[in-house]
Amino acid sequence: MFFITAAIYAFGTIFYDLFGSGQLQPWAMSSDAPPDIVDDAEITTVDEEKEQKSADIAEDSVESTRL
């Protein structure tokens, strides 16, 4: 019984990892929410944050080599 339950949880985890998304969907936004909470400009994905950090690090290393 334990192995069946473990397999079900493992399948759910793998399925979510492959097809899940952490982006806020339009249907989840409340129309009566304050506008500063539902601001699309502030919503970023983890990949966008990683790319920005990588770009910042690369820019810093280029600047330090110029000195």
PDB file of N, CA and C in Angstrom:
ATOM      1  N   MET A   1       0.817  -1.190   0.000  1.00  0.00           N
ATOM      2  CA  MET A   1       0.000   0.000   0.000  1.00  0.00           C
ATOM      3  C   MET A   1       0.864   1.260   0.000  1.00  0.00           C
ATOM      4  N   PHE A   2       1.968   1.216   0.757  1.00  0.00           N
ATOM      5  CA  PHE A   2       2.862   2.359   0.807  1.00  0.00           C
ATOM      6  C   PHE A   2       3.430   2.680  -0.570  1.00  0.00           C
ATOM      7  N   PHE A   3       3.812   1.664  -1.325  1.00  0.00           N
ATOM      8  CA  PHE A   3       4.415   1.893  -2.633  1.00  0.00           C
ATOM      9  C   PHE A   3       3.419   2.476  -3.629  1.00  0.00           C
ATOM     10  N   ILE A   4       2.169   2.081  -3.525  1.00  0.00           N
ATOM     11  CA  ILE A   4       1.136   2.635  -4.408  1.00  0.00           C
ATOM     12  C   ILE A   4       0.955   4.123  -4.121  1.00  0.00           C
ATOM     13  N   THR A   5       0.866   4.468  -2.855  1.00  0.00           N
ATOM     14  CA  THR A   5       0.712   5.871  -2.465  1.00  0.00           C
ATOM     15  C   THR A   5       1.942   6.685  -2.872  1.00  0.00           C
ATOM     16  N   ALA A   6       3.117   6.152  -2.673  1.00  0.00           N
ATOM     17  CA  ALA A   6       4.350   6.846  -3.056  1.00  0.00           C
ATOM     18  C   ALA A   6       4.398   7.059  -4.568  1.00  0.00           C
ATOM     19  N   ALA A   7       3.957   6.070  -5.336  1.00  0.00           N
ATOM     20  CA  ALA A   7       3.946   6.196  -6.800  1.00  0.00           C
ATOM     21  C   ALA A   7       2.968   7.278  -7.248  1.00  0.00           C
ATOM     22  N   ILE A   8       1.809   7.357  -6.607  1.00  0.00           N
ATOM     23  CA  ILE A   8       0.821   8.381  -6.963  1.00  0.00           C
ATOM     24  C   ILE A   8       1.379   9.774  -6.681  1.00  0.00           C
ATOM     25  N   TYR A   9       1.992   9.964  -5.522  1.00  0.00           N
ATOM     26  CA  TYR A   9       2.584  11.268  -5.182  1.00  0.00           C
ATOM     27  C   TYR A   9       3.745  11.603  -6.124  1.00  0.00           C
ATOM     28  N   ALA A  10       4.567  10.627  -6.439  1.00  0.00           N
ATOM     29  CA  ALA A  10       5.699  10.863  -7.345  1.00  0.00           C
ATOM     30  C   ALA A  10       5.201  11.250  -8.732  1.00  0.00           C
ATOM     31  N   PHE A  11       4.167  10.567  -9.218  1.00  0.00           N
ATOM     32  CA  PHE A  11       3.616  10.907 -10.526  1.00  0.00           C
ATOM     33  C   PHE A  11       3.072  12.330 -10.537  1.00  0.00           C
ATOM     34  N   GLY A  12       2.351  12.717  -9.493  1.00  0.00           N
ATOM     35  CA  GLY A  12       1.808  14.071  -9.406  1.00  0.00           C
ATOM     36  C   GLY A  12       2.906  15.123  -9.377  1.00  0.00           C
ATOM     37  N   THR A  13       3.958  14.852  -8.646  1.00  0.00           N
ATOM     38  CA  THR A  13       5.076  15.786  -8.566  1.00  0.00           C
ATOM     39  C   THR A  13       5.766  15.942  -9.912  1.00  0.00           C
ATOM     40  N   ILE A  14       6.034  14.843 -10.584  1.00  0.00           N
ATOM     41  CA  ILE A  14       6.694  14.892 -11.891  1.00  0.00           C
ATOM     42  C   ILE A  14       5.798  15.583 -12.905  1.00  0.00           C
ATOM     43  N   PHE A  15       4.512  15.286 -12.889  1.00  0.00           N
ATOM     44  CA  PHE A  15       3.575  15.917 -13.820  1.00  0.00           C
ATOM     45  C   PHE A  15       3.552  17.431 -13.625  1.00  0.00           C
ATOM     46  N   TYR A  16       3.505  17.884 -12.365  1.00  0.00           N
ATOM     47  CA  TYR A  16       3.497  19.323 -12.093  1.00  0.00           C
ATOM     48  C   TYR A  16       4.821  19.964 -12.502  1.00  0.00           C
ATOM     49  N   ASP A  17       5.931  19.287 -12.235  1.00  0.00           N
ATOM     50  CA  ASP A  17       7.234  19.837 -12.623  1.00  0.00           C
ATOM     51  C   ASP A  17       7.328  20.025 -14.136  1.00  0.00           C
ATOM     52  N   LEU A  18       6.753  19.117 -14.889  1.00  0.00           N
ATOM     53  CA  LEU A  18       6.832  19.200 -16.352  1.00  0.00           C
ATOM     54  C   LEU A  18       5.851  20.203 -16.943  1.00  0.00           C
ATOM     55  N   PHE A  19       4.634  20.246 -16.424  1.00  0.00           N
ATOM     56  CA  PHE A  19       3.582  21.033 -17.058  1.00  0.00           C
ATOM     57  C   PHE A  19       3.073  22.206 -16.218  1.00  0.00           C
ATOM     58  N   GLY A  20       3.509  22.324 -14.991  1.00  0.00           N
ATOM     59  CA  GLY A  20       3.014  23.378 -14.113  1.00  0.00           C
ATOM     60  C   GLY A  20       3.651  24.724 -14.408  1.00  0.00           C
ATOM     61  N   SER A  21       2.981  25.757 -13.987  1.00  0.00           N
ATOM     62  CA  SER A  21       3.476  27.110 -14.199  1.00  0.00           C
ATOM     63  C   SER A  21       3.217  27.921 -12.939  1.00  0.00           C
ATOM     64  N   GLY A  22       4.104  28.859 -12.670  1.00  0.00           N
ATOM     65  CA  GLY A  22       3.941  29.699 -11.497  1.00  0.00           C
ATOM     66  C   GLY A  22       3.443  31.085 -11.828  1.00  0.00           C
ATOM     67  N   GLN A  23       3.058  31.301 -13.083  1.00  0.00           N
ATOM     68  CA  GLN A  23       2.581  32.617 -13.473  1.00  0.00           C
ATOM     69  C   GLN A  23       1.142  32.836 -13.020  1.00  0.00           C
ATOM     70  N   LEU A  24       0.866  34.058 -12.626  1.00  0.00           N
ATOM     71  CA  LEU A  24      -0.479  34.424 -12.221  1.00  0.00           C
ATOM     72  C   LEU A  24      -1.377  34.472 -13.451  1.00  0.00           C
ATOM     73  N   GLN A  25      -2.473  33.751 -13.417  1.00  0.00           N
ATOM     74  CA  GLN A  25      -3.380  33.671 -14.548  1.00  0.00           C
ATOM     75  C   GLN A  25      -4.437  34.766 -14.465  1.00  0.00           C
ATOM     76  N   PRO A  26      -4.945  35.225 -15.631  1.00  0.00           N
ATOM     77  CA  PRO A  26      -5.948  36.296 -15.625  1.00  0.00           C
ATOM     78  C   PRO A  26      -7.204  35.953 -14.822  1.00  0.00           C
ATOM     79  N   TRP A  27      -7.620  34.709 -14.834  1.00  0.00           N
ATOM     80  CA  TRP A  27      -8.842  34.335 -14.129  1.00  0.00           C
ATOM     81  C   TRP A  27      -8.648  34.389 -12.614  1.00  0.00           C
ATOM     82  N   ALA A  28      -7.397  34.417 -12.154  1.00  0.00           N
ATOM     83  CA  ALA A  28      -7.136  34.441 -10.714  1.00  0.00           C
ATOM     84  C   ALA A  28      -7.103  35.864 -10.158  1.00  0.00           C
ATOM     85  N   MET A  29      -7.127  36.852 -11.039  1.00  0.00           N
ATOM     86  CA  MET A  29      -7.078  38.246 -10.596  1.00  0.00           C
ATOM     87  C   MET A  29      -8.485  38.717 -10.257  1.00  0.00           C
ATOM     88  N   SER A  30      -8.622  39.278  -9.088  1.00  0.00           N
ATOM     89  CA  SER A  30      -9.912  39.783  -8.648  1.00  0.00           C
ATOM     90  C   SER A  30     -10.116  41.186  -9.202  1.00  0.00           C
ATOM     91  N   SER A  31     -11.313  41.473  -9.668  1.00  0.00           N
ATOM     92  CA  SER A  31     -11.579  42.794 -10.229  1.00  0.00           C
ATOM     93  C   SER A  31     -11.675  43.865  -9.148  1.00  0.00           C
ATOM     94  N   ASP A  32     -11.922  43.453  -7.910  1.00  0.00           N
ATOM     95  CA  ASP A  32     -12.018  44.434  -6.839  1.00  0.00           C
ATOM     96  C   ASP A  32     -10.717  44.572  -6.045  1.00  0.00           C
ATOM     97  N   ALA A  33      -9.650  43.930  -6.507  1.00  0.00           N
ATOM     98  CA  ALA A  33      -8.360  44.039  -5.832  1.00  0.00           C
ATOM     99  C   ALA A  33      -7.731  45.394  -6.128  1.00  0.00           C
ATOM    100  N   PRO A  34      -6.981  45.926  -5.191  1.00  0.00           N
ATOM    101  CA  PRO A  34      -6.299  47.197  -5.446  1.00  0.00           C
ATOM    102  C   PRO A  34      -5.348  47.066  -6.636  1.00  0.00           C
ATOM    103  N   PRO A  35      -5.211  48.108  -7.450  1.00  0.00           N
ATOM    104  CA  PRO A  35      -4.392  48.008  -8.657  1.00  0.00           C
ATOM    105  C   PRO A  35      -2.920  47.739  -8.400  1.00  0.00           C
ATOM    106  N   ASP A  36      -2.407  48.128  -7.239  1.00  0.00           N
ATOM    107  CA  ASP A  36      -0.993  47.888  -6.994  1.00  0.00           C
ATOM    108  C   ASP A  36      -0.690  46.420  -6.722  1.00  0.00           C
ATOM    109  N   ILE A  37      -1.696  45.642  -6.337  1.00  0.00           N
ATOM    110  CA  ILE A  37      -1.487  44.220  -6.118  1.00  0.00           C
ATOM    111  C   ILE A  37      -1.505  43.466  -7.442  1.00  0.00           C
ATOM    112  N   VAL A  38      -2.366  43.847  -8.349  1.00  0.00           N
ATOM    113  CA  VAL A  38      -2.511  43.156  -9.619  1.00  0.00           C
ATOM    114  C   VAL A  38      -1.817  43.988 -10.706  1.00  0.00           C
ATOM    115  N   ASP A  39      -0.524  44.055 -10.627  1.00  0.00           N
ATOM    116  CA  ASP A  39       0.261  44.819 -11.588  1.00  0.00           C
ATOM    117  C   ASP A  39       1.100  43.845 -12.404  1.00  0.00           C
ATOM    118  N   ASP A  40       0.779  43.699 -13.679  1.00  0.00           N
ATOM    119  CA  ASP A  40       1.483  42.757 -14.536  1.00  0.00           C
ATOM    120  C   ASP A  40       2.963  43.097 -14.684  1.00  0.00           C
ATOM    121  N   ALA A  41       3.329  44.353 -14.527  1.00  0.00           N
ATOM    122  CA  ALA A  41       4.725  44.746 -14.695  1.00  0.00           C
ATOM    123  C   ALA A  41       5.605  44.151 -13.594  1.00  0.00           C
ATOM    124  N   GLU A  42       5.023  43.893 -12.434  1.00  0.00           N
ATOM    125  CA  GLU A  42       5.805  43.365 -11.328  1.00  0.00           C
ATOM    126  C   GLU A  42       5.864  41.843 -11.318  1.00  0.00           C
ATOM    127  N   ILE A  43       5.077  41.189 -12.142  1.00  0.00           N
ATOM    128  CA  ILE A  43       5.047  39.732 -12.170  1.00  0.00           C
ATOM    129  C   ILE A  43       6.179  39.248 -13.062  1.00  0.00           C
ATOM    130  N   THR A  44       7.099  38.490 -12.486  1.00  0.00           N
ATOM    131  CA  THR A  44       8.195  37.915 -13.260  1.00  0.00           C
ATOM    132  C   THR A  44       8.286  36.437 -12.950  1.00  0.00           C
ATOM    133  N   THR A  45       8.833  35.716 -13.863  1.00  0.00           N
ATOM    134  CA  THR A  45       9.019  34.295 -13.636  1.00  0.00           C
ATOM    135  C   THR A  45      10.406  34.078 -13.051  1.00  0.00           C
ATOM    136  N   VAL A  46      10.629  32.904 -12.545  1.00  0.00           N
ATOM    137  CA  VAL A  46      11.929  32.562 -11.980  1.00  0.00           C
ATOM    138  C   VAL A  46      12.996  32.640 -13.061  1.00  0.00           C
ATOM    139  N   ASP A  47      12.672  32.200 -14.288  1.00  0.00           N
ATOM    140  CA  ASP A  47      13.637  32.248 -15.374  1.00  0.00           C
ATOM    141  C   ASP A  47      14.032  33.685 -15.703  1.00  0.00           C
ATOM    142  N   GLU A  48      13.074  34.606 -15.689  1.00  0.00           N
ATOM    143  CA  GLU A  48      13.386  36.002 -15.965  1.00  0.00           C
ATOM    144  C   GLU A  48      14.302  36.574 -14.891  1.00  0.00           C
ATOM    145  N   GLU A  49      14.049  36.200 -13.643  1.00  0.00           N
ATOM    146  CA  GLU A  49      14.892  36.682 -12.558  1.00  0.00           C
ATOM    147  C   GLU A  49      16.310  36.139 -12.690  1.00  0.00           C
ATOM    148  N   LYS A  50      16.443  34.856 -13.049  1.00  0.00           N
ATOM    149  CA  LYS A  50      17.767  34.264 -13.235  1.00  0.00           C
ATOM    150  C   LYS A  50      18.504  34.941 -14.376  1.00  0.00           C
ATOM    151  N   GLU A  51      17.798  35.214 -15.481  1.00  0.00           N
ATOM    152  CA  GLU A  51      18.428  35.887 -16.610  1.00  0.00           C
ATOM    153  C   GLU A  51      18.895  37.281 -16.226  1.00  0.00           C
ATOM    154  N   GLN A  52      18.093  38.000 -15.447  1.00  0.00           N
ATOM    155  CA  GLN A  52      18.464  39.348 -15.031  1.00  0.00           C
ATOM    156  C   GLN A  52      19.687  39.307 -14.122  1.00  0.00           C
ATOM    157  N   LYS A  53      19.714  38.359 -13.189  1.00  0.00           N
ATOM    158  CA  LYS A  53      20.865  38.242 -12.305  1.00  0.00           C
ATOM    159  C   LYS A  53      22.117  37.887 -13.089  1.00  0.00           C
ATOM    160  N   SER A  54      21.989  36.992 -14.073  1.00  0.00           N
ATOM    161  CA  SER A  54      23.129  36.617 -14.900  1.00  0.00           C
ATOM    162  C   SER A  54      23.636  37.817 -15.696  1.00  0.00           C
ATOM    163  N   ALA A  55      22.708  38.605 -16.224  1.00  0.00           N
ATOM    164  CA  ALA A  55      23.097  39.788 -16.985  1.00  0.00           C
ATOM    165  C   ALA A  55      23.791  40.794 -16.074  1.00  0.00           C
ATOM    166  N   ASP A  56      23.288  40.963 -14.860  1.00  0.00           N
ATOM    167  CA  ASP A  56      23.917  41.890 -13.913  1.00  0.00           C
ATOM    168  C   ASP A  56      25.325  41.430 -13.553  1.00  0.00           C
ATOM    169  N   ILE A  57      25.497  40.134 -13.320  1.00  0.00           N
ATOM    170  CA  ILE A  57      26.811  39.599 -12.973  1.00  0.00           C
ATOM    171  C   ILE A  57      27.774  39.776 -14.136  1.00  0.00           C
ATOM    172  N   ALA A  58      27.303  39.479 -15.350  1.00  0.00           N
ATOM    173  CA  ALA A  58      28.152  39.629 -16.527  1.00  0.00           C
ATOM    174  C   ALA A  58      28.549  41.091 -16.721  1.00  0.00           C
ATOM    175  N   GLU A  59      27.617  41.992 -16.505  1.00  0.00           N
ATOM    176  CA  GLU A  59      27.903  43.418 -16.649  1.00  0.00           C
ATOM    177  C   GLU A  59      28.923  43.875 -15.611  1.00  0.00           C
ATOM    178  N   ASP A  60      28.779  43.390 -14.387  1.00  0.00           N
ATOM    179  CA  ASP A  60      29.722  43.744 -13.335  1.00  0.00           C
ATOM    180  C   ASP A  60      31.129  43.222 -13.639  1.00  0.00           C
ATOM    181  N   SER A  61      31.208  41.997 -14.162  1.00  0.00           N
ATOM    182  CA  SER A  61      32.526  41.433 -14.462  1.00  0.00           C
ATOM    183  C   SER A  61      33.190  42.166 -15.612  1.00  0.00           C
ATOM    184  N   VAL A  62      32.410  42.625 -16.597  1.00  0.00           N
ATOM    185  CA  VAL A  62      32.972  43.396 -17.700  1.00  0.00           C
ATOM    186  C   VAL A  62      33.487  44.733 -17.189  1.00  0.00           C
ATOM    187  N   GLU A  63      32.723  45.369 -16.296  1.00  0.00           N
ATOM    188  CA  GLU A  63      33.157  46.644 -15.744  1.00  0.00           C
ATOM    189  C   GLU A  63      34.410  46.508 -14.896  1.00  0.00           C
ATOM    190  N   SER A  64      34.520  45.413 -14.152  1.00  0.00           N
ATOM    191  CA  SER A  64      35.694  45.223 -13.291  1.00  0.00           C
ATOM    192  C   SER A  64      36.946  44.927 -14.121  1.00  0.00           C
ATOM    193  N   THR A  65      36.808  44.297 -15.285  1.00  0.00           N
ATOM    194  CA  THR A  65      37.964  44.032 -16.127  1.00  0.00           C
ATOM    195  C   THR A  65      38.436  45.289 -16.828  1.00  0.00           C
ATOM    196  N   ARG A  66      37.578  46.271 -17.002  1.00  0.00           N
ATOM    197  CA  ARG A  66      37.948  47.522 -17.646  1.00  0.00           C
ATOM    198  C   ARG A  66      38.770  48.409 -16.723  1.00  0.00           C
ATOM    199  N   LEU A  67      38.623  48.208 -15.416  1.00  0.00           N
ATOM    200  CA  LEU A  67      39.344  49.045 -14.463  1.00  0.00           C
ATOM    201  C   LEU A  67      40.759  48.669 -14.485  1.00  0.00           C
TER     202      LEU A  67
END
